[in-house]
Amino acid sequence: MQFAGSHILSVDQFERADIERVFEVADRMEPYAQRRRITRVLEGAILGNMFFEPSTRTRVSFGCAFNLLGGDVRETTGIESSSLSKGESLYDTARVISGYSDIIAMRHPAAGSVAEFAAASRVPVVNGGDGPNEHPTQALLDLYTIRKEVEHSGRSVDGLRIAMIGDLRHGRTVHSLSKLLACFRNVKLTCISPGELRMPGEILEFLRSAGHSVTETDNLEEAIGHVDIAYATRIQEERFSSPEEANRYRGRYRLNQSIYTRYCEPNTVIMHPLPRDSRAEANELDTDLNENPNLAIFRQTDNGVLVRMALFALVLDVVNLLAKHEVPVTWYTGKRFHD
């Protein structure tokens, strides 16, 4: 993959060497993300952060990643606050906003919308999620997290046993992550969901054709007994026709410390793309897991900044200029960054 000047729209763009390149650069971003060093390599550059669907982590971490590289961020949030609400086309919006920006991160509720926008943009566009379709940067940060979580024990993504739990039909994070996993070897994937919310068949077939083992079940307790990674997802209520339909599945799969202790292997890593639905009727990851050292959900969010910094640096072709534009840290950053 030629990163410089490219759109990042789909995990289909990535081969294994490309993934490893992103991770190599993400590793180099850690001192900047932890405020041990500062780089101003993107000083003067502008990120157009365009989020037409609700978001906290993705939107803020894109902005944070760009700021940490020295750039400025201009935000548009919600269709109602943009000229799209007046009938403006994605084409016209793209032509205008790309004139104000050096790179654009975009989320939109319609599948294929970000690619449509990118086709008219004059600058690179990064897909922050297009409806139920894809979420490539989330998949990259999830895979980066998986790699970091298991490497201390001498393992790699090859040969891992991974369970995906919950709404696998509508969850774009599990769709994109599954496709990235196909770039690796001998992954054993267990899909745990209600029958109506199964992983799309084309994704399962894609994994099987790549030589991976895939099983499906609706039984959480039986299926999580022998996995390295338990990746839970929420019920994607915004993808259902009504809240009542989503409520039929809410709370179907709940993981708490008691279930973890009883059924999981001692070092099983718990992941979730967030937000986790903590309402009593859902409670998919109980707060009693918060002190479990294998709960990786907040390490995931930290890693999202590293991966998005890496993508910005690669697409804007400044990876080799990071150190040249360093300046000293001038404020108290807190002991937690230096432990």
Protein backbone atom coordinates (compact mmCIF):
# COMPACT_ATOMS: atom_id res chain seq x y z
CA MET A 1 0.00 0.00 0.00
CA GLN A 2 1.15 3.52 -0.83
CA PHE A 3 0.19 5.46 2.28
CA ALA A 4 1.28 8.98 1.30
CA GLY A 5 -1.72 10.90 0.01
CA SER A 6 -4.08 7.91 0.19
CA HIS A 7 -7.60 7.68 1.53
CA ILE A 8 -8.09 5.16 4.35
CA LEU A 9 -11.57 3.84 3.62
CA SER A 10 -11.59 0.07 4.10
CA VAL A 11 -9.62 -2.72 5.71
CA ASP A 12 -9.63 -4.29 2.24
CA GLN A 13 -6.80 -1.88 1.40
CA PHE A 14 -4.44 -3.55 3.89
CA GLU A 15 -2.15 -6.51 3.46
CA ARG A 16 -0.19 -7.92 6.38
CA ALA A 17 2.90 -5.85 5.58
CA ASP A 18 0.76 -2.68 5.62
CA ILE A 19 -0.69 -3.57 9.01
CA GLU A 20 2.76 -4.20 10.41
CA ARG A 21 3.95 -0.87 9.03
CA VAL A 22 1.12 0.97 10.80
CA PHE A 23 1.96 -0.84 14.04
CA GLU A 24 5.66 -0.05 13.71
CA VAL A 25 4.85 3.65 13.39
CA ALA A 26 2.27 3.46 16.21
CA ASP A 27 4.99 2.12 18.51
CA ARG A 28 7.07 5.19 17.68
CA MET A 29 4.20 7.47 18.69
CA GLU A 30 4.09 6.33 22.31
CA PRO A 31 6.50 8.98 23.74
CA TYR A 32 4.41 11.73 22.15
CA ALA A 33 1.07 10.26 23.26
CA GLN A 34 2.41 9.94 26.80
CA ARG A 35 3.73 13.54 26.75
CA ARG A 36 7.31 12.46 27.35
CA ARG A 37 8.17 14.31 24.16
CA ILE A 38 6.43 16.81 21.86
CA THR A 39 6.57 16.94 18.09
CA ARG A 40 5.26 19.80 15.96
CA VAL A 41 5.67 17.94 12.69
CA LEU A 42 2.14 18.87 11.50
CA GLU A 43 2.22 22.48 12.71
CA GLY A 44 0.01 24.52 10.37
CA ALA A 45 -1.89 21.49 9.08
CA ILE A 46 -5.67 21.27 9.54
CA LEU A 47 -7.80 18.20 10.20
CA GLY A 48 -11.44 18.49 9.17
CA ASN A 49 -13.12 16.25 11.77
CA MET A 50 -16.60 15.60 10.35
CA PHE A 51 -18.87 13.40 12.45
CA PHE A 52 -22.46 13.10 11.27
CA GLU A 53 -23.28 10.31 13.72
CA PRO A 54 -22.83 10.29 17.53
CA SER A 55 -19.28 9.58 18.67
CA THR A 56 -17.09 10.22 21.68
CA ARG A 57 -13.92 8.11 21.53
CA THR A 58 -13.43 8.05 17.77
CA ARG A 59 -14.06 11.75 17.24
CA VAL A 60 -12.00 12.92 20.21
CA SER A 61 -9.13 10.51 19.59
CA PHE A 62 -8.85 11.60 15.95
CA GLY A 63 -8.61 15.19 17.15
CA CYS A 64 -6.22 14.32 19.97
CA ALA A 65 -3.98 12.35 17.59
CA PHE A 66 -3.76 15.28 15.19
CA ASN A 67 -3.10 17.78 17.99
CA LEU A 68 -0.31 15.58 19.38
CA LEU A 69 1.41 15.83 16.01
CA GLY A 70 1.16 19.62 16.16
CA GLY A 71 -1.84 20.12 13.89
CA ASP A 72 -5.12 22.01 14.33
CA VAL A 73 -8.62 20.52 14.30
CA ARG A 74 -11.86 21.95 12.92
CA GLU A 75 -14.97 20.01 13.91
CA THR A 76 -18.42 19.49 12.43
CA THR A 77 -20.75 17.35 14.53
CA GLY A 78 -24.25 16.25 13.55
CA ILE A 79 -26.02 16.49 10.22
CA GLU A 80 -28.36 19.11 11.72
CA SER A 81 -25.44 21.49 12.27
CA SER A 82 -24.20 21.20 8.69
CA SER A 83 -25.51 22.21 5.28
CA LEU A 84 -26.38 18.57 4.63
CA SER A 85 -29.55 19.35 6.59
CA LYS A 86 -30.37 21.92 3.87
CA GLY A 87 -30.06 19.36 1.10
CA GLU A 88 -26.41 19.87 0.19
CA SER A 89 -24.84 16.81 -1.44
CA LEU A 90 -21.86 14.90 -0.13
CA TYR A 91 -20.07 15.91 -3.33
CA ASP A 92 -20.50 19.64 -2.68
CA THR A 93 -19.64 19.24 1.01
CA ALA A 94 -16.47 17.37 0.11
CA ARG A 95 -15.38 19.95 -2.43
CA VAL A 96 -15.85 22.75 0.09
CA ILE A 97 -14.41 21.20 3.26
CA SER A 98 -11.41 19.71 1.47
CA GLY A 99 -10.51 23.25 0.46
CA TYR A 100 -10.27 24.13 4.15
CA SER A 101 -8.38 21.04 5.28
CA ASP A 102 -5.22 19.03 4.72
CA ILE A 103 -6.90 15.75 5.72
CA ILE A 104 -10.44 14.80 6.75
CA ALA A 105 -11.76 12.22 9.21
CA MET A 106 -15.42 11.41 8.62
CA ARG A 107 -18.25 9.38 10.15
CA HIS A 108 -21.64 9.08 8.47
CA PRO A 109 -24.64 6.81 9.10
CA ALA A 110 -24.97 5.57 5.51
CA ALA A 111 -22.91 2.64 4.23
CA GLY A 112 -20.57 3.75 1.44
CA SER A 113 -21.02 7.43 2.25
CA VAL A 114 -17.41 8.07 3.25
CA ALA A 115 -16.13 6.56 0.01
CA GLU A 116 -18.59 8.73 -1.91
CA PHE A 117 -17.33 11.78 -0.03
CA ALA A 118 -13.69 10.81 -0.62
CA ALA A 119 -14.25 10.54 -4.38
CA ALA A 120 -14.97 14.29 -4.45
CA SER A 121 -12.41 15.36 -1.85
CA ARG A 122 -9.23 17.18 -2.79
CA VAL A 123 -7.38 15.84 0.28
CA PRO A 124 -7.07 12.40 1.92
CA VAL A 125 -10.10 11.10 3.83
CA VAL A 126 -10.05 8.62 6.73
CA ASN A 127 -13.17 6.57 7.39
CA GLY A 128 -14.33 6.94 11.01
CA GLY A 129 -17.28 4.61 10.42
CA ASP A 130 -19.88 4.48 7.65
CA GLY A 131 -23.10 3.11 9.08
CA PRO A 132 -23.12 -0.69 9.51
CA ASN A 133 -20.41 -1.09 6.89
CA GLU A 134 -16.82 -0.52 8.11
CA HIS A 135 -14.69 1.04 10.82
CA PRO A 136 -11.12 0.49 9.61
CA THR A 137 -9.25 2.54 12.22
CA GLN A 138 -11.12 0.77 15.04
CA ALA A 139 -10.15 -2.58 13.54
CA LEU A 140 -6.52 -1.50 13.36
CA LEU A 141 -6.46 -0.31 16.97
CA ASP A 142 -8.22 -3.49 18.09
CA LEU A 143 -5.66 -5.65 16.32
CA TYR A 144 -2.84 -3.48 17.68
CA THR A 145 -4.26 -4.00 21.17
CA ILE A 146 -4.50 -7.75 20.65
CA ARG A 147 -0.88 -7.85 19.55
CA LYS A 148 0.29 -5.82 22.56
CA GLU A 149 -1.78 -7.81 25.03
CA VAL A 150 -0.35 -11.18 24.01
CA GLU A 151 3.22 -10.30 23.06
CA HIS A 152 4.41 -10.22 26.69
CA SER A 153 3.81 -13.97 26.78
CA GLY A 154 5.72 -14.54 23.56
CA ARG A 155 2.65 -15.00 21.37
CA SER A 156 1.51 -13.24 18.23
CA VAL A 157 -1.78 -12.85 16.39
CA ASP A 158 -1.01 -16.03 14.43
CA GLY A 159 -2.71 -18.99 16.08
CA LEU A 160 -4.79 -16.99 18.55
CA ARG A 161 -8.23 -18.10 19.78
CA ILE A 162 -10.67 -15.19 19.63
CA ALA A 163 -14.33 -15.03 20.66
CA MET A 164 -16.58 -12.25 19.31
CA ILE A 165 -19.71 -11.76 21.40
CA GLY A 166 -23.00 -9.93 20.87
CA ASP A 167 -24.50 -8.14 17.88
CA LEU A 168 -22.28 -9.51 15.14
CA ARG A 169 -24.78 -8.74 12.39
CA HIS A 170 -24.72 -4.96 12.78
CA GLY A 171 -21.35 -4.42 14.50
CA ARG A 172 -19.05 -2.77 11.98
CA THR A 173 -16.10 -3.15 14.37
CA VAL A 174 -16.28 -6.95 14.29
CA HIS A 175 -16.77 -6.95 10.52
CA SER A 176 -13.62 -4.92 9.93
CA LEU A 177 -11.58 -6.76 12.57
CA SER A 178 -12.53 -10.13 11.10
CA LYS A 179 -11.30 -9.05 7.68
CA LEU A 180 -7.97 -7.89 9.14
CA LEU A 181 -7.56 -11.18 10.99
CA ALA A 182 -7.72 -12.93 7.63
CA CYS A 183 -4.27 -11.45 6.90
CA PHE A 184 -2.80 -13.64 9.65
CA ARG A 185 -2.46 -17.42 10.07
CA ASN A 186 -4.45 -20.11 11.86
CA VAL A 187 -6.78 -17.85 13.82
CA LYS A 188 -9.55 -19.74 15.61
CA LEU A 189 -12.63 -17.51 15.71
CA THR A 190 -15.72 -18.29 17.78
CA CYS A 191 -18.79 -16.17 17.02
CA ILE A 192 -21.24 -15.97 19.93
CA SER A 193 -24.57 -14.33 19.13
CA PRO A 194 -28.31 -14.89 18.90
CA GLY A 195 -29.21 -16.58 15.64
CA GLU A 196 -30.80 -13.42 14.30
CA LEU A 197 -27.64 -11.41 14.96
CA ARG A 198 -25.09 -13.76 13.42
CA MET A 199 -21.96 -12.56 11.67
CA PRO A 200 -22.70 -12.02 7.96
CA GLY A 201 -22.11 -15.19 5.99
CA GLU A 202 -19.77 -13.56 3.50
CA ILE A 203 -17.38 -12.59 6.28
CA LEU A 204 -17.40 -16.12 7.72
CA GLU A 205 -16.73 -17.56 4.28
CA PHE A 206 -13.93 -15.04 3.71
CA LEU A 207 -12.23 -16.19 6.91
CA ARG A 208 -12.67 -19.86 6.12
CA SER A 209 -11.32 -19.40 2.61
CA ALA A 210 -8.23 -17.79 4.18
CA GLY A 211 -7.63 -20.97 6.18
CA HIS A 212 -9.06 -19.96 9.54
CA SER A 213 -11.28 -22.00 11.85
CA VAL A 214 -14.70 -20.43 12.46
CA THR A 215 -17.45 -21.74 14.74
CA GLU A 216 -20.82 -20.23 15.66
CA THR A 217 -22.82 -20.65 18.85
CA ASP A 218 -25.38 -18.89 21.00
CA ASN A 219 -23.96 -20.27 24.27
CA LEU A 220 -21.62 -17.80 25.98
CA GLU A 221 -20.49 -19.92 28.91
CA GLU A 222 -19.53 -22.94 26.82
CA ALA A 223 -17.76 -20.90 24.16
CA ILE A 224 -15.50 -18.63 26.25
CA GLY A 225 -13.75 -21.43 28.11
CA HIS A 226 -10.77 -21.75 25.79
CA VAL A 227 -10.07 -18.39 24.15
CA ASP A 228 -7.23 -15.89 24.38
CA ILE A 229 -9.41 -12.86 23.58
CA ALA A 230 -13.05 -12.27 24.51
CA TYR A 231 -14.25 -9.34 22.37
CA ALA A 232 -17.70 -8.16 23.43
CA THR A 233 -19.95 -5.75 21.53
CA ARG A 234 -23.12 -3.90 22.45
CA ILE A 235 -26.50 -4.29 20.79
CA GLN A 236 -26.39 -1.72 18.00
CA GLU A 237 -29.80 -0.25 18.74
CA GLU A 238 -29.39 2.51 16.17
CA ARG A 239 -29.35 -0.17 13.44
CA PHE A 240 -32.71 -1.66 14.46
CA SER A 241 -36.10 -0.53 13.21
CA SER A 242 -37.25 0.29 16.74
CA PRO A 243 -35.97 0.30 20.34
CA GLU A 244 -38.41 -2.49 21.10
CA GLU A 245 -36.75 -4.74 18.54
CA ALA A 246 -33.29 -4.02 20.03
CA ASN A 247 -34.65 -4.72 23.52
CA ARG A 248 -35.34 -8.32 22.54
CA TYR A 249 -31.58 -8.92 22.59
CA ARG A 250 -30.36 -6.45 25.18
CA GLY A 251 -28.71 -8.18 28.12
CA ARG A 252 -28.61 -11.57 26.39
CA TYR A 253 -24.86 -11.89 26.97
CA ARG A 254 -23.35 -10.51 30.15
CA LEU A 255 -19.79 -10.97 31.31
CA ASN A 256 -18.94 -10.33 34.95
CA GLN A 257 -16.14 -11.37 37.27
CA SER A 258 -18.01 -14.45 38.48
CA ILE A 259 -18.57 -15.75 34.96
CA TYR A 260 -15.00 -14.84 34.02
CA THR A 261 -13.56 -16.75 36.99
CA ARG A 262 -15.77 -19.76 36.42
CA TYR A 263 -15.44 -20.17 32.65
CA CYS A 264 -12.44 -18.24 31.27
CA GLU A 265 -8.79 -19.19 31.31
CA PRO A 266 -6.85 -17.03 33.81
CA ASN A 267 -5.21 -14.77 31.21
CA THR A 268 -8.12 -14.30 28.81
CA VAL A 269 -8.07 -10.68 27.61
CA ILE A 270 -11.41 -8.83 27.69
CA MET A 271 -11.98 -6.27 24.93
CA HIS A 272 -14.85 -4.05 23.82
CA PRO A 273 -14.89 -1.23 21.23
CA LEU A 274 -16.97 0.95 23.61
CA PRO A 275 -19.27 2.41 24.58
CA ARG A 276 -20.23 -0.50 26.80
CA ASP A 277 -23.91 -0.40 27.67
CA SER A 278 -23.92 -0.19 31.47
CA ARG A 279 -27.68 0.17 31.86
CA ALA A 280 -29.12 -2.48 34.18
CA GLU A 281 -31.06 -4.15 31.39
CA ALA A 282 -27.89 -4.58 29.34
CA ASN A 283 -24.78 -4.54 31.56
CA GLU A 284 -22.76 -6.42 28.96
CA LEU A 285 -19.44 -5.90 30.80
CA ASP A 286 -20.05 -5.54 34.52
CA THR A 287 -18.20 -2.87 36.44
CA ASP A 288 -16.92 -5.59 38.79
CA LEU A 289 -14.46 -6.35 35.96
CA ASN A 290 -12.89 -2.90 36.29
CA GLU A 291 -10.15 -4.17 38.60
CA ASN A 292 -9.46 -7.25 36.50
CA PRO A 293 -5.96 -6.73 35.02
CA ASN A 294 -7.06 -8.51 31.85
CA LEU A 295 -9.75 -5.92 31.12
CA ALA A 296 -8.13 -4.11 28.18
CA ILE A 297 -10.91 -1.73 27.16
CA PHE A 298 -9.15 1.42 28.35
CA ARG A 299 -5.82 0.29 26.92
CA GLN A 300 -7.76 -0.04 23.66
CA THR A 301 -8.80 3.61 23.81
CA ASP A 302 -5.22 4.70 24.54
CA ASN A 303 -4.02 2.61 21.60
CA GLY A 304 -6.55 4.30 19.35
CA VAL A 305 -4.61 7.55 19.66
CA LEU A 306 -1.34 5.81 18.74
CA VAL A 307 -2.83 4.12 15.66
CA ARG A 308 -4.54 7.27 14.43
CA MET A 309 -1.35 9.26 14.95
CA ALA A 310 0.44 6.65 12.85
CA LEU A 311 -2.11 6.88 10.05
CA PHE A 312 -1.92 10.67 9.95
CA ALA A 313 1.89 10.54 9.87
CA LEU A 314 1.90 7.94 7.10
CA VAL A 315 -0.76 9.57 4.92
CA LEU A 316 0.82 13.03 5.28
CA ASP A 317 4.29 11.50 4.82
CA VAL A 318 6.00 12.90 7.93
CA VAL A 319 7.10 9.72 9.70
CA ASN A 320 10.78 10.44 9.14
CA LEU A 321 10.45 14.05 10.33
CA LEU A 322 9.02 13.43 13.83
CA ALA A 323 12.26 13.90 15.76
CA LYS A 324 13.35 16.90 13.68
CA HIS A 325 10.34 18.85 14.94
CA GLU A 326 10.58 17.97 18.63
CA VAL A 327 10.34 20.56 21.39
CA PRO A 328 10.57 20.16 25.18
CA VAL A 329 7.59 19.32 27.37
CA THR A 330 6.87 22.47 29.38
CA TRP A 331 4.06 21.42 31.74
CA TYR A 332 3.45 18.91 34.51
CA THR A 333 2.05 15.80 32.85
CA GLY A 334 1.44 13.63 35.90
CA LYS A 335 3.26 10.70 37.40
CA ARG A 336 1.14 8.15 35.56
CA PHE A 337 2.96 8.85 32.29
CA HIS A 338 6.36 8.12 33.82
CA ASP A 339 5.73 5.02 35.98
